[in-house]
């Protein structure tokens, strides 16, 4: 019968975990939790950066598309060369001035109306310039628009930006 008592004692002694086993298990779990949390935060930051970049790219495409329509249908472009401003007479015969200044792209019509800010948000900073060439043999002008849009929001440590360029030929 002593064997039965000895089995009960051994069973009771082996029923739990030792303190060292618990500390090792908690350390391994802690390292895994910190690693997974770091990876998760990195993925979230990358996703936010990609979404911000996509947003400014859409904004830039919209700005270029609206400018392209007006420039293509314009009657006359009055300035040549490289400039931060583009003066044209649109299809309705109105003077229009596009200009880059203090991180804002603006459009002003007829010189009397207040300039219209083309930036889609206060966090967007737009810089760029226009390059205008005239064809010597026809009245067609080529306008190249080069712009850079940056999102300067406080939520980004790495500021997303997009460089865009397009060349437009007038149809007159």
N, C-alpha and C. Protein backbone atom coordinates (compact mmCIF):
# COMPACT_ATOMS: atom_id res chain seq x y z
N UNK A 1 0.78 -1.21 0.00
CA UNK A 1 0.00 0.00 0.00
C UNK A 1 0.83 1.28 0.00
N UNK A 2 2.02 1.25 0.36
CA UNK A 2 2.76 2.50 0.32
C UNK A 2 2.87 3.04 -1.09
N UNK A 3 2.76 2.18 -2.07
CA UNK A 3 2.87 2.66 -3.44
C UNK A 3 1.71 3.57 -3.81
N UNK A 4 0.52 3.31 -3.37
CA UNK A 4 -0.64 4.14 -3.64
C UNK A 4 -0.46 5.53 -3.04
N UNK A 5 0.01 5.61 -1.82
CA UNK A 5 0.23 6.90 -1.19
C UNK A 5 1.32 7.69 -1.91
N UNK A 6 2.33 7.00 -2.37
CA UNK A 6 3.42 7.65 -3.08
C UNK A 6 2.93 8.21 -4.42
N UNK A 7 2.05 7.51 -5.11
CA UNK A 7 1.49 7.98 -6.38
C UNK A 7 0.65 9.23 -6.15
N UNK A 8 -0.15 9.27 -5.07
CA UNK A 8 -0.96 10.45 -4.76
C UNK A 8 -0.07 11.65 -4.47
N UNK A 9 1.00 11.47 -3.75
CA UNK A 9 1.90 12.57 -3.43
C UNK A 9 2.58 13.09 -4.70
N UNK A 10 3.07 12.18 -5.54
CA UNK A 10 3.71 12.60 -6.80
C UNK A 10 2.72 13.32 -7.71
N UNK A 11 1.48 12.84 -7.73
CA UNK A 11 0.45 13.46 -8.57
C UNK A 11 0.16 14.87 -8.09
N UNK A 12 0.07 15.06 -6.77
CA UNK A 12 -0.16 16.38 -6.21
C UNK A 12 1.01 17.32 -6.49
N UNK A 13 2.20 16.86 -6.46
CA UNK A 13 3.37 17.69 -6.71
C UNK A 13 3.47 18.09 -8.18
N UNK A 14 3.00 17.27 -9.09
CA UNK A 14 3.11 17.56 -10.51
C UNK A 14 1.86 18.21 -11.10
N UNK A 15 0.88 18.54 -10.29
CA UNK A 15 -0.40 19.06 -10.78
C UNK A 15 -0.30 20.50 -11.27
N UNK A 16 0.63 21.36 -10.85
CA UNK A 16 0.70 22.76 -11.25
C UNK A 16 1.98 23.10 -11.98
N UNK A 17 2.17 24.42 -12.22
CA UNK A 17 3.37 24.92 -12.88
C UNK A 17 4.28 25.54 -11.83
N UNK A 18 5.54 25.48 -12.09
CA UNK A 18 6.47 26.12 -11.17
C UNK A 18 6.52 27.61 -11.47
N UNK A 19 7.06 28.37 -10.56
CA UNK A 19 7.16 29.82 -10.72
C UNK A 19 8.04 30.17 -11.92
N UNK A 20 9.09 29.48 -12.12
CA UNK A 20 9.99 29.74 -13.25
C UNK A 20 9.29 29.45 -14.56
N UNK A 21 8.51 28.38 -14.63
CA UNK A 21 7.76 28.09 -15.86
C UNK A 21 6.77 29.21 -16.16
N UNK A 22 6.12 29.73 -15.14
CA UNK A 22 5.15 30.83 -15.34
C UNK A 22 5.87 32.10 -15.82
N UNK A 23 7.02 32.42 -15.23
CA UNK A 23 7.76 33.62 -15.63
C UNK A 23 8.25 33.51 -17.07
N UNK A 24 8.76 32.34 -17.46
CA UNK A 24 9.21 32.12 -18.84
C UNK A 24 8.04 32.23 -19.80
N UNK A 25 6.91 31.64 -19.46
CA UNK A 25 5.72 31.71 -20.33
C UNK A 25 5.24 33.15 -20.48
N UNK A 26 5.23 33.90 -19.38
CA UNK A 26 4.79 35.31 -19.45
C UNK A 26 5.78 36.15 -20.26
N UNK A 27 7.06 35.88 -20.15
CA UNK A 27 8.06 36.62 -20.92
C UNK A 27 7.89 36.36 -22.40
N UNK A 28 7.68 35.11 -22.78
CA UNK A 28 7.47 34.77 -24.19
C UNK A 28 6.20 35.44 -24.70
N UNK A 29 5.14 35.37 -23.91
CA UNK A 29 3.88 36.01 -24.30
C UNK A 29 4.06 37.51 -24.44
N UNK A 30 4.81 38.15 -23.54
CA UNK A 30 5.06 39.59 -23.60
C UNK A 30 5.82 39.99 -24.84
N UNK A 31 6.85 39.24 -25.19
CA UNK A 31 7.64 39.52 -26.39
C UNK A 31 6.76 39.39 -27.63
N UNK A 32 5.94 38.35 -27.68
CA UNK A 32 5.03 38.16 -28.82
C UNK A 32 4.02 39.30 -28.91
N UNK A 33 3.46 39.71 -27.78
CA UNK A 33 2.47 40.79 -27.77
C UNK A 33 3.09 42.09 -28.25
N UNK A 34 4.28 42.42 -27.78
CA UNK A 34 4.94 43.66 -28.20
C UNK A 34 5.27 43.61 -29.70
N UNK A 35 5.73 42.47 -30.18
CA UNK A 35 6.06 42.34 -31.62
C UNK A 35 4.81 42.50 -32.48
N UNK A 36 3.76 41.83 -32.10
CA UNK A 36 2.51 41.90 -32.88
C UNK A 36 1.94 43.31 -32.85
N UNK A 37 2.01 43.97 -31.69
CA UNK A 37 1.52 45.35 -31.59
C UNK A 37 2.34 46.28 -32.48
N UNK A 38 3.65 46.12 -32.51
CA UNK A 38 4.50 46.94 -33.37
C UNK A 38 4.17 46.76 -34.84
N UNK A 39 3.96 45.51 -35.24
CA UNK A 39 3.60 45.23 -36.63
C UNK A 39 2.24 45.84 -36.96
N UNK A 40 1.30 45.72 -36.06
CA UNK A 40 -0.05 46.27 -36.26
C UNK A 40 0.01 47.79 -36.42
N UNK A 41 0.76 48.47 -35.57
CA UNK A 41 0.88 49.93 -35.66
C UNK A 41 1.55 50.33 -36.96
N UNK A 42 2.56 49.60 -37.38
CA UNK A 42 3.24 49.88 -38.65
C UNK A 42 2.29 49.73 -39.83
N UNK A 43 1.48 48.71 -39.82
CA UNK A 43 0.50 48.49 -40.90
C UNK A 43 -0.53 49.61 -40.92
N UNK A 44 -1.01 50.04 -39.77
CA UNK A 44 -1.99 51.12 -39.69
C UNK A 44 -1.39 52.42 -40.24
N UNK A 45 -0.14 52.74 -39.86
CA UNK A 45 0.51 53.96 -40.37
C UNK A 45 0.66 53.90 -41.89
N UNK A 46 1.06 52.75 -42.40
CA UNK A 46 1.22 52.59 -43.86
C UNK A 46 -0.11 52.77 -44.58
N UNK A 47 -1.16 52.21 -43.99
CA UNK A 47 -2.48 52.34 -44.60
C UNK A 47 -2.93 53.80 -44.61
N UNK A 48 -2.74 54.51 -43.52
CA UNK A 48 -3.13 55.92 -43.45
C UNK A 48 -2.34 56.75 -44.46
N UNK A 49 -1.05 56.46 -44.59
CA UNK A 49 -0.21 57.18 -45.55
C UNK A 49 -0.69 56.91 -46.98
N UNK A 50 -1.02 55.66 -47.28
CA UNK A 50 -1.52 55.31 -48.62
C UNK A 50 -2.86 55.98 -48.90
N UNK A 51 -3.74 56.02 -47.92
CA UNK A 51 -5.04 56.68 -48.11
C UNK A 51 -4.86 58.19 -48.33
N UNK A 52 -3.95 58.80 -47.58
CA UNK A 52 -3.69 60.24 -47.75
C UNK A 52 -3.10 60.52 -49.12
N UNK A 53 -2.19 59.66 -49.56
CA UNK A 53 -1.58 59.84 -50.87
C UNK A 53 -2.63 59.66 -51.97
N UNK A 54 -3.51 58.71 -51.81
CA UNK A 54 -4.59 58.49 -52.77
C UNK A 54 -5.52 59.71 -52.81
N UNK A 55 -5.80 60.28 -51.66
CA UNK A 55 -6.67 61.45 -51.59
C UNK A 55 -6.06 62.64 -52.31
N UNK A 56 -4.77 62.91 -52.08
CA UNK A 56 -4.17 64.06 -52.75
C UNK A 56 -3.99 63.80 -54.24
N UNK A 57 -3.81 62.54 -54.61
CA UNK A 57 -3.71 62.22 -56.04
C UNK A 57 -5.06 62.47 -56.73
N UNK A 58 -6.16 62.08 -56.09
CA UNK A 58 -7.49 62.36 -56.65
C UNK A 58 -7.73 63.85 -56.75
N UNK A 59 -7.34 64.58 -55.73
CA UNK A 59 -7.50 66.03 -55.73
C UNK A 59 -6.71 66.66 -56.88
N UNK A 60 -5.48 66.19 -57.07
CA UNK A 60 -4.65 66.70 -58.16
C UNK A 60 -5.23 66.40 -59.52
N UNK A 61 -5.74 65.18 -59.67
CA UNK A 61 -6.35 64.83 -60.96
C UNK A 61 -7.56 65.70 -61.25
N UNK A 62 -8.36 65.98 -60.22
CA UNK A 62 -9.54 66.83 -60.40
C UNK A 62 -9.12 68.25 -60.80
N UNK A 63 -8.11 68.79 -60.12
CA UNK A 63 -7.63 70.14 -60.45
C UNK A 63 -7.12 70.18 -61.88
N UNK A 64 -6.29 69.20 -62.25
CA UNK A 64 -5.76 69.19 -63.63
C UNK A 64 -6.86 69.03 -64.66
N UNK A 65 -7.84 68.20 -64.37
CA UNK A 65 -8.93 67.98 -65.33
C UNK A 65 -9.74 69.26 -65.54
N UNK A 66 -10.06 69.97 -64.46
CA UNK A 66 -10.84 71.21 -64.62
C UNK A 66 -10.03 72.28 -65.34
N UNK A 67 -8.73 72.38 -65.04
CA UNK A 67 -7.89 73.35 -65.74
C UNK A 67 -7.71 72.96 -67.21
N UNK A 68 -7.57 71.67 -67.47
CA UNK A 68 -7.36 71.19 -68.83
C UNK A 68 -8.54 71.57 -69.73
N UNK A 69 -9.75 71.40 -69.23
CA UNK A 69 -10.94 71.74 -70.03
C UNK A 69 -10.94 73.21 -70.41
N UNK A 70 -10.65 74.07 -69.44
CA UNK A 70 -10.68 75.51 -69.72
C UNK A 70 -9.53 75.93 -70.63
N UNK A 71 -8.34 75.38 -70.40
CA UNK A 71 -7.19 75.75 -71.24
C UNK A 71 -7.38 75.26 -72.67
N UNK A 72 -7.86 74.03 -72.83
CA UNK A 72 -8.04 73.45 -74.17
C UNK A 72 -9.03 74.27 -74.99
N UNK A 73 -10.08 74.76 -74.35
CA UNK A 73 -11.12 75.50 -75.06
C UNK A 73 -10.88 77.01 -75.08
N UNK A 74 -9.75 77.47 -74.54
CA UNK A 74 -9.50 78.92 -74.45
C UNK A 74 -9.31 79.52 -75.84
N UNK A 75 -9.62 80.82 -75.92
CA UNK A 75 -9.45 81.55 -77.18
C UNK A 75 -8.02 82.02 -77.36
N UNK A 76 -7.39 82.41 -76.25
CA UNK A 76 -6.04 82.95 -76.35
C UNK A 76 -5.32 82.79 -75.02
N UNK A 77 -4.03 82.47 -75.11
CA UNK A 77 -3.16 82.44 -73.94
C UNK A 77 -2.15 83.54 -74.14
N UNK A 78 -2.10 84.48 -73.20
CA UNK A 78 -1.37 85.72 -73.44
C UNK A 78 0.09 85.70 -73.00
N UNK A 79 0.51 84.74 -72.20
CA UNK A 79 1.88 84.74 -71.71
C UNK A 79 2.64 83.53 -72.24
N UNK A 80 3.93 83.72 -72.50
CA UNK A 80 4.78 82.63 -72.97
C UNK A 80 5.88 82.37 -71.95
N UNK A 81 6.48 81.18 -72.03
CA UNK A 81 7.61 80.84 -71.16
C UNK A 81 7.18 80.19 -69.86
N UNK A 82 8.10 80.21 -68.89
CA UNK A 82 7.87 79.60 -67.59
C UNK A 82 7.39 80.67 -66.62
N UNK A 83 6.32 80.35 -65.91
CA UNK A 83 5.76 81.34 -64.98
C UNK A 83 4.96 80.63 -63.89
N UNK A 84 4.74 81.33 -62.80
CA UNK A 84 3.87 80.80 -61.75
C UNK A 84 2.42 81.22 -61.97
N UNK A 85 2.16 81.92 -63.06
CA UNK A 85 0.81 82.36 -63.39
C UNK A 85 0.52 82.08 -64.86
N UNK A 86 -0.74 81.84 -65.14
CA UNK A 86 -1.20 81.60 -66.51
C UNK A 86 -2.41 82.48 -66.77
N UNK A 87 -2.28 83.38 -67.74
CA UNK A 87 -3.38 84.27 -68.09
C UNK A 87 -3.95 83.82 -69.43
N UNK A 88 -5.27 83.64 -69.47
CA UNK A 88 -5.91 83.21 -70.71
C UNK A 88 -7.27 83.87 -70.86
N UNK A 89 -7.78 83.81 -72.08
CA UNK A 89 -9.15 84.24 -72.35
C UNK A 89 -9.93 82.97 -72.65
N UNK A 90 -10.91 82.68 -71.79
CA UNK A 90 -11.62 81.40 -71.93
C UNK A 90 -12.63 81.43 -73.06
N UNK A 91 -13.34 80.34 -73.25
CA UNK A 91 -14.27 80.21 -74.39
C UNK A 91 -15.44 81.20 -74.29
N UNK A 92 -15.72 81.73 -73.09
CA UNK A 92 -16.77 82.72 -72.93
C UNK A 92 -16.27 84.15 -73.14
N UNK A 93 -14.97 84.29 -73.44
CA UNK A 93 -14.39 85.61 -73.65
C UNK A 93 -13.97 86.31 -72.37
N UNK A 94 -13.94 85.61 -71.26
CA UNK A 94 -13.57 86.21 -69.97
C UNK A 94 -12.08 85.99 -69.70
N UNK A 95 -11.46 87.01 -69.11
CA UNK A 95 -10.06 86.86 -68.68
C UNK A 95 -10.01 85.97 -67.46
N UNK A 96 -9.11 84.99 -67.47
CA UNK A 96 -8.94 84.07 -66.34
C UNK A 96 -7.46 84.02 -66.00
N UNK A 97 -7.17 84.07 -64.71
CA UNK A 97 -5.79 84.00 -64.24
C UNK A 97 -5.66 82.84 -63.26
N UNK A 98 -4.82 81.87 -63.61
CA UNK A 98 -4.45 80.80 -62.70
C UNK A 98 -3.10 81.17 -62.11
N UNK A 99 -2.93 81.01 -60.79
CA UNK A 99 -1.63 81.36 -60.22
C UNK A 99 -1.30 80.48 -59.01
N UNK A 100 -0.01 80.18 -58.90
CA UNK A 100 0.53 79.49 -57.74
C UNK A 100 1.10 80.55 -56.81
N UNK A 101 0.73 80.47 -55.55
CA UNK A 101 1.29 81.43 -54.60
C UNK A 101 1.04 80.97 -53.18
N UNK A 102 2.03 81.08 -52.34
CA UNK A 102 1.98 80.69 -50.92
C UNK A 102 1.26 79.35 -50.71
N UNK A 103 1.70 78.34 -51.45
CA UNK A 103 1.21 76.96 -51.33
C UNK A 103 -0.27 76.82 -51.69
N UNK A 104 -0.78 77.72 -52.53
CA UNK A 104 -2.17 77.69 -52.95
C UNK A 104 -2.23 77.88 -54.46
N UNK A 105 -3.08 77.12 -55.12
CA UNK A 105 -3.37 77.33 -56.53
C UNK A 105 -4.72 78.05 -56.60
N UNK A 106 -4.75 79.20 -57.24
CA UNK A 106 -5.99 79.97 -57.29
C UNK A 106 -6.38 80.27 -58.73
N UNK A 107 -7.67 80.53 -58.90
CA UNK A 107 -8.24 80.88 -60.20
C UNK A 107 -9.03 82.16 -59.99
N UNK A 108 -8.72 83.17 -60.80
CA UNK A 108 -9.43 84.44 -60.70
C UNK A 108 -9.98 84.79 -62.07
N UNK A 109 -11.25 85.17 -62.10
CA UNK A 109 -11.93 85.47 -63.35
C UNK A 109 -12.18 86.97 -63.46
N UNK A 110 -11.91 87.52 -64.63
CA UNK A 110 -12.19 88.93 -64.96
C UNK A 110 -11.42 89.93 -64.10
N UNK A 111 -10.53 89.51 -63.23
CA UNK A 111 -9.73 90.44 -62.44
C UNK A 111 -10.45 91.13 -61.30
N UNK A 112 -11.78 91.05 -61.25
CA UNK A 112 -12.54 91.74 -60.20
C UNK A 112 -13.02 90.78 -59.12
N UNK A 113 -13.36 89.60 -59.51
CA UNK A 113 -13.86 88.62 -58.53
C UNK A 113 -12.71 88.18 -57.63
N UNK A 114 -13.03 87.84 -56.38
CA UNK A 114 -11.95 87.34 -55.50
C UNK A 114 -11.41 86.01 -56.03
N UNK A 115 -10.13 85.74 -55.83
CA UNK A 115 -9.56 84.48 -56.34
C UNK A 115 -10.21 83.27 -55.67
N UNK A 116 -10.43 82.26 -56.48
CA UNK A 116 -11.01 81.00 -56.00
C UNK A 116 -9.87 80.04 -55.68
N UNK A 117 -9.83 79.56 -54.44
CA UNK A 117 -8.80 78.63 -54.01
C UNK A 117 -9.14 77.24 -54.56
N UNK A 118 -8.21 76.62 -55.31
CA UNK A 118 -8.47 75.31 -55.90
C UNK A 118 -7.99 74.15 -55.01
N UNK A 119 -7.33 74.46 -53.90
CA UNK A 119 -6.93 73.40 -52.95
C UNK A 119 -8.19 72.79 -52.35
N UNK A 120 -8.21 71.47 -52.21
CA UNK A 120 -9.41 70.83 -51.69
C UNK A 120 -9.48 70.85 -50.16
N UNK A 121 -8.35 71.06 -49.47
CA UNK A 121 -8.39 71.14 -48.02
C UNK A 121 -7.30 72.09 -47.54
N UNK A 122 -7.42 72.52 -46.28
CA UNK A 122 -6.44 73.44 -45.71
C UNK A 122 -5.09 72.77 -45.51
N UNK A 123 -5.07 71.44 -45.42
CA UNK A 123 -3.82 70.72 -45.22
C UNK A 123 -3.05 70.51 -46.52
N UNK A 124 -3.68 70.79 -47.66
CA UNK A 124 -3.00 70.61 -48.94
C UNK A 124 -2.17 71.83 -49.29
N UNK A 125 -0.93 71.59 -49.65
CA UNK A 125 -0.03 72.65 -50.10
C UNK A 125 0.32 72.35 -51.55
N UNK A 126 -0.05 73.26 -52.46
CA UNK A 126 0.18 73.06 -53.89
C UNK A 126 1.21 74.06 -54.38
N UNK A 127 2.25 73.56 -55.02
CA UNK A 127 3.25 74.40 -55.65
C UNK A 127 3.41 73.94 -57.10
N UNK A 128 3.89 74.83 -57.94
CA UNK A 128 4.10 74.43 -59.33
C UNK A 128 4.33 75.62 -60.23
N UNK A 129 4.30 75.35 -61.52
CA UNK A 129 4.49 76.40 -62.50
C UNK A 129 3.90 75.96 -63.84
N UNK A 130 3.78 76.95 -64.74
CA UNK A 130 3.27 76.74 -66.08
C UNK A 130 4.40 76.98 -67.09
N UNK A 131 4.38 76.22 -68.16
CA UNK A 131 5.32 76.43 -69.26
C UNK A 131 4.49 76.53 -70.53
N UNK A 132 4.53 77.69 -71.19
CA UNK A 132 3.69 77.93 -72.37
C UNK A 132 4.57 78.10 -73.60
N UNK A 133 4.21 77.36 -74.66
CA UNK A 133 4.89 77.46 -75.96
C UNK A 133 3.85 77.74 -77.03
N UNK A 134 4.20 78.57 -77.99
CA UNK A 134 3.32 78.81 -79.14
C UNK A 134 3.95 78.17 -80.36
N UNK A 135 3.10 77.59 -81.18
CA UNK A 135 3.55 77.02 -82.44
C UNK A 135 3.75 78.19 -83.42
N UNK A 136 4.89 78.23 -84.06
CA UNK A 136 5.21 79.34 -84.96
C UNK A 136 4.32 79.35 -86.21
N UNK A 137 3.75 78.21 -86.58
CA UNK A 137 2.99 78.11 -87.83
C UNK A 137 1.48 78.12 -87.65
N UNK A 138 1.02 78.06 -86.42
CA UNK A 138 -0.42 78.10 -86.17
C UNK A 138 -0.68 78.82 -84.86
N UNK A 139 -1.92 78.96 -84.53
CA UNK A 139 -2.27 79.66 -83.29
C UNK A 139 -2.38 78.70 -82.10
N UNK A 140 -1.97 77.46 -82.28
CA UNK A 140 -2.05 76.46 -81.20
C UNK A 140 -0.97 76.74 -80.16
N UNK A 141 -1.37 76.73 -78.91
CA UNK A 141 -0.43 76.88 -77.80
C UNK A 141 -0.33 75.56 -77.06
N UNK A 142 0.85 75.27 -76.55
CA UNK A 142 1.06 74.11 -75.68
C UNK A 142 1.31 74.62 -74.27
N UNK A 143 0.50 74.15 -73.33
CA UNK A 143 0.64 74.56 -71.93
C UNK A 143 1.01 73.33 -71.12
N UNK A 144 2.14 73.37 -70.46
CA UNK A 144 2.54 72.28 -69.56
C UNK A 144 2.34 72.76 -68.14
N UNK A 145 1.60 71.98 -67.37
CA UNK A 145 1.36 72.29 -65.96
C UNK A 145 2.13 71.27 -65.14
N UNK A 146 2.97 71.78 -64.25
CA UNK A 146 3.73 70.91 -63.35
C UNK A 146 3.36 71.32 -61.93
N UNK A 147 2.87 70.39 -61.16
CA UNK A 147 2.51 70.73 -59.79
C UNK A 147 2.88 69.62 -58.82
N UNK A 148 3.09 70.03 -57.58
CA UNK A 148 3.33 69.10 -56.49
C UNK A 148 2.32 69.41 -55.40
N UNK A 149 1.65 68.37 -54.95
CA UNK A 149 0.66 68.52 -53.88
C UNK A 149 1.17 67.76 -52.67
N UNK A 150 1.22 68.45 -51.53
CA UNK A 150 1.65 67.83 -50.28
C UNK A 150 0.52 67.90 -49.27
N UNK A 151 0.40 66.86 -48.48
CA UNK A 151 -0.53 66.89 -47.35
C UNK A 151 0.29 67.18 -46.12
N UNK A 152 0.08 68.33 -45.54
CA UNK A 152 0.89 68.75 -44.39
C UNK A 152 0.13 68.61 -43.09
N UNK A 153 -0.80 67.66 -43.03
CA UNK A 153 -1.58 67.45 -41.81
C UNK A 153 -0.70 66.99 -40.66
N UNK A 154 -1.09 67.33 -39.45
CA UNK A 154 -0.27 66.99 -38.28
C UNK A 154 -0.25 65.50 -37.96
N UNK A 155 -1.14 64.73 -38.54
CA UNK A 155 -1.23 63.31 -38.22
C UNK A 155 -0.19 62.45 -38.94
N UNK A 156 0.62 63.07 -39.79
CA UNK A 156 1.61 62.31 -40.55
C UNK A 156 3.02 62.73 -40.18
N UNK A 157 3.84 61.77 -39.79
CA UNK A 157 5.24 62.08 -39.55
C UNK A 157 5.98 62.13 -40.89
N UNK A 158 5.57 61.28 -41.82
CA UNK A 158 6.11 61.29 -43.18
C UNK A 158 5.05 61.93 -44.07
N UNK A 159 5.33 63.11 -44.60
CA UNK A 159 4.34 63.88 -45.35
C UNK A 159 4.13 63.29 -46.74
N UNK A 160 2.90 62.85 -47.04
CA UNK A 160 2.65 62.31 -48.38
C UNK A 160 2.60 63.43 -49.42
N UNK A 161 3.09 63.14 -50.62
CA UNK A 161 3.05 64.12 -51.71
C UNK A 161 2.91 63.40 -53.04
N UNK A 162 2.46 64.16 -54.03
CA UNK A 162 2.29 63.65 -55.39
C UNK A 162 2.79 64.70 -56.36
N UNK A 163 3.58 64.28 -57.33
CA UNK A 163 4.01 65.16 -58.42
C UNK A 163 3.17 64.83 -59.65
N UNK A 164 2.58 65.85 -60.26
CA UNK A 164 1.76 65.64 -61.45
C UNK A 164 2.20 66.61 -62.55
N UNK A 165 2.09 66.14 -63.79
CA UNK A 165 2.44 66.97 -64.94
C UNK A 165 1.55 66.59 -66.10
N UNK A 166 1.12 67.59 -66.84
CA UNK A 166 0.35 67.34 -68.05
C UNK A 166 0.63 68.46 -69.06
N UNK A 167 0.50 68.13 -70.33
CA UNK A 167 0.65 69.13 -71.39
C UNK A 167 -0.65 69.18 -72.18
N UNK A 168 -1.11 70.38 -72.42
CA UNK A 168 -2.41 70.58 -73.08
C UNK A 168 -2.19 71.44 -74.32
N UNK A 169 -2.83 71.03 -75.41
CA UNK A 169 -2.81 71.82 -76.65
C UNK A 169 -4.15 72.52 -76.78
N UNK A 170 -4.11 73.82 -77.07
CA UNK A 170 -5.37 74.55 -77.27
C UNK A 170 -6.00 74.12 -78.60
N UNK A 171 -7.27 74.33 -78.75
CA UNK A 171 -7.99 73.88 -79.96
C UNK A 171 -8.32 75.03 -80.91
N UNK A 172 -7.75 76.16 -80.72
CA UNK A 172 -8.14 77.28 -81.60
C UNK A 172 -7.29 77.35 -82.84
